[in-house]
Protein backbone atom coordinates (compact mmCIF):
# COMPACT_ATOMS: atom_id res chain seq x y z
CA MET A 1 129.14 139.70 166.98
CA THR A 2 127.77 136.93 164.79
CA THR A 3 126.14 137.41 161.42
CA GLY A 4 123.82 134.43 161.68
CA VAL A 5 125.77 132.40 159.15
CA SER A 6 127.14 129.26 160.71
CA ARG A 7 130.12 127.56 159.19
CA ARG A 8 130.16 123.93 160.09
CA LYS A 9 133.36 122.06 159.77
CA PRO A 10 133.17 118.54 158.44
CA LYS A 11 133.34 115.94 161.16
CA VAL A 12 136.71 114.22 161.03
CA THR A 13 137.36 111.20 163.16
CA PHE A 14 140.40 109.01 163.50
CA ARG A 15 138.42 106.21 161.86
CA SER A 16 138.12 108.28 158.68
CA LEU A 17 141.91 108.39 158.18
CA THR A 18 142.82 106.48 155.05
CA GLY A 19 145.99 104.83 153.86
CA SER A 20 147.62 101.46 153.45
CA ALA A 21 148.21 99.18 156.46
CA SER A 22 151.97 99.80 156.44
CA ALA A 23 151.50 103.59 156.25
CA ARG A 24 149.08 103.48 159.18
CA LYS A 25 151.53 101.32 161.17
CA PHE A 26 154.41 103.75 160.54
CA ALA A 27 152.21 106.74 161.42
CA ALA A 28 151.24 105.09 164.72
CA ALA A 29 154.92 104.45 165.51
CA VAL A 30 155.87 108.09 164.83
CA LEU A 31 152.96 109.40 166.91
CA GLU A 32 153.88 107.10 169.82
CA VAL A 33 157.41 108.53 169.84
CA LEU A 34 156.21 112.13 169.57
CA ALA A 35 153.69 111.54 172.39
CA GLY A 36 156.43 110.06 174.58
CA VAL A 37 154.75 106.66 174.85
CA ALA A 38 157.66 104.85 173.17
CA THR A 39 161.31 105.48 172.40
CA PRO A 40 162.52 105.70 168.78
CA THR A 41 164.24 102.34 169.24
CA GLN A 42 161.06 100.65 170.50
CA ALA A 43 158.94 102.23 167.74
CA GLY A 44 161.45 101.21 165.06
CA GLN A 45 161.52 97.61 166.33
CA ALA A 46 157.70 97.47 166.58
CA ALA A 47 157.39 98.71 162.99
CA GLY A 48 160.23 96.47 161.78
CA LEU A 49 162.48 99.39 160.84
CA SER A 50 166.12 100.19 161.42
CA MET A 51 166.86 103.34 163.42
CA GLN A 52 168.09 105.17 160.31
CA ARG A 53 164.91 104.27 158.39
CA TYR A 54 162.71 105.26 161.36
CA TYR A 55 164.26 108.73 161.58
CA ALA A 56 163.87 109.20 157.79
CA LEU A 57 160.17 108.28 158.06
CA GLU A 58 159.71 110.57 161.04
CA ALA A 59 161.22 113.48 159.08
CA ARG A 60 158.91 112.73 156.12
CA ALA A 61 155.90 112.54 158.44
CA LEU A 62 156.68 115.88 160.04
CA GLN A 63 157.28 117.48 156.64
CA GLY A 64 153.92 116.12 155.48
CA LEU A 65 152.26 117.57 158.57
CA VAL A 66 153.77 121.01 158.00
CA THR A 67 152.90 120.94 154.29
CA ALA A 68 149.30 119.93 155.04
CA LEU A 69 148.95 122.83 157.46
CA GLU A 70 150.05 125.50 154.96
CA PRO A 71 147.28 128.06 154.33
CA LYS A 72 145.19 127.27 151.26
CA PRO A 73 144.58 129.97 148.66
CA LYS A 74 141.07 131.39 148.72
CA GLY A 75 138.68 131.10 145.82
CA ARG A 76 138.37 128.68 142.99
CA HIS A 77 141.33 126.38 142.36
CA ARG A 78 142.52 125.88 138.79
CA THR A 79 142.82 122.22 137.88
CA VAL A 80 144.06 120.64 134.69
CA GLU A 81 140.50 119.60 133.81
CA SER A 82 139.11 123.11 134.31
CA GLU A 83 141.98 124.55 132.27
CA ILE A 84 141.25 122.12 129.41
CA ALA A 85 137.54 122.98 129.52
CA ALA A 86 138.32 126.71 129.41
CA LEU A 87 140.67 126.24 126.46
CA LYS A 88 138.08 124.17 124.56
CA LYS A 89 135.43 126.82 125.16
CA ASP A 90 137.82 129.54 123.97
CA ASN A 91 138.72 127.47 120.89
CA GLN A 92 135.05 127.06 119.94
CA LYS A 93 134.47 130.80 120.39
CA LEU A 94 137.44 131.64 118.16
CA GLN A 95 136.29 129.17 115.48
CA ARG A 96 132.82 130.75 115.43
CA GLU A 97 134.37 134.20 115.17
CA ALA A 98 136.69 133.10 112.34
CA GLY A 99 133.74 131.65 110.42
CA ARG A 100 131.76 134.86 110.92
CA LEU A 101 134.66 136.99 109.71
CA GLN A 102 135.17 134.76 106.64
CA ALA A 103 131.50 135.17 105.77
CA LEU A 104 131.81 138.95 106.14
CA VAL A 105 134.87 138.99 103.86
CA ARG A 106 133.04 136.93 101.22
CA ALA A 107 130.01 139.22 101.40
CA ALA A 108 132.20 142.33 101.13
CA HIS A 109 134.01 140.88 98.10
CA ARG A 110 130.73 140.04 96.39
CA ALA A 111 129.23 143.43 97.18
CA SER A 112 132.25 145.36 95.96
CA GLY A 113 132.44 143.45 92.68
CA LEU A 114 136.23 143.42 92.88
CA VAL A 115 136.53 139.67 93.05
CA GLU A 116 135.48 137.26 90.34
CA SER A 117 133.09 134.49 91.34
CA LYS A 118 135.85 131.85 91.07
CA GLU A 119 137.96 133.80 93.55
CA VAL A 120 134.99 134.11 95.90
CA ARG A 121 134.56 130.34 95.78
CA LYS A 122 138.22 129.91 96.70
CA LEU A 123 137.77 132.18 99.69
CA GLY A 124 134.64 130.51 100.96
CA GLY A 125 135.17 126.98 99.84
CA ARG A 126 132.77 125.06 97.67
CA ARG A 127 129.47 126.76 96.82
CA LYS A 128 126.23 124.89 96.81
CA HIS A 129 124.07 124.91 93.69
CA ARG A 130 120.87 126.83 94.25
CA ALA A 131 117.73 125.98 92.36
CA THR A 132 116.17 128.81 90.38
CA PRO A 133 112.93 129.82 92.05
CA ARG A 134 109.72 129.28 90.07
CA ALA A 135 108.96 132.99 90.26
CA VAL A 136 112.17 133.83 88.39
CA LYS A 137 111.25 131.32 85.67
CA ALA A 138 107.77 132.85 85.46
CA VAL A 139 109.22 136.35 85.11
CA ALA A 140 111.48 135.13 82.28
CA VAL A 141 108.45 133.68 80.45
CA LEU A 142 106.40 136.83 81.02
CA ARG A 143 109.14 139.09 79.65
CA GLN A 144 109.26 137.24 76.36
CA PRO A 145 107.65 139.15 73.49
CA VAL A 146 103.99 138.44 72.97
CA VAL A 147 103.27 136.20 70.00
CA SER A 148 100.06 136.86 68.10
CA GLY A 149 97.11 134.51 67.49
CA ASP A 150 97.84 130.98 66.30
CA ASP A 151 101.52 131.15 67.22
CA ALA A 152 100.56 131.90 70.85
CA VAL A 153 98.38 128.78 71.13
CA ALA A 154 101.04 126.57 69.57
CA SER A 155 103.85 127.99 71.70
CA HIS A 156 101.73 127.97 74.88
CA GLY A 157 101.09 124.23 74.65
CA SER A 158 104.78 123.38 74.44
CA GLU A 159 105.97 125.76 77.19
CA GLU A 160 106.18 124.78 80.83
CA VAL A 161 105.84 127.27 83.61
């Protein structure tokens, strides 16, 4: 019973096999021996190898074949690059959280009144100077006692709002 989902395998041809010229020559020699086309002696001589070296290469080739045919784990594979990216993302998240918690601690200290302003600055680093809003200056001027008559005109001309 088919589900309608077709899984196409990538087309692999012998022409798509990659490797250096010497590796391809040794692979051909090993395959000739395994297919029964040539003897190990003939294959070794054709590849320019001693018998001992030929048998060592044949063992490596067969081990490579068996290793390549091991079942692959399913799912996403963890690579060094993906691991680094995950760690960087986690680091940024932790830095944001640390900054948020530091701000909460500073706000709690200020709200509780337990910490002097110098100690708050030490906790949070250097504080920026804030300009006094014009409305606060206006309130300060308005709360001053009212001066009568001529004094009001003289003082009003010299005051800035």
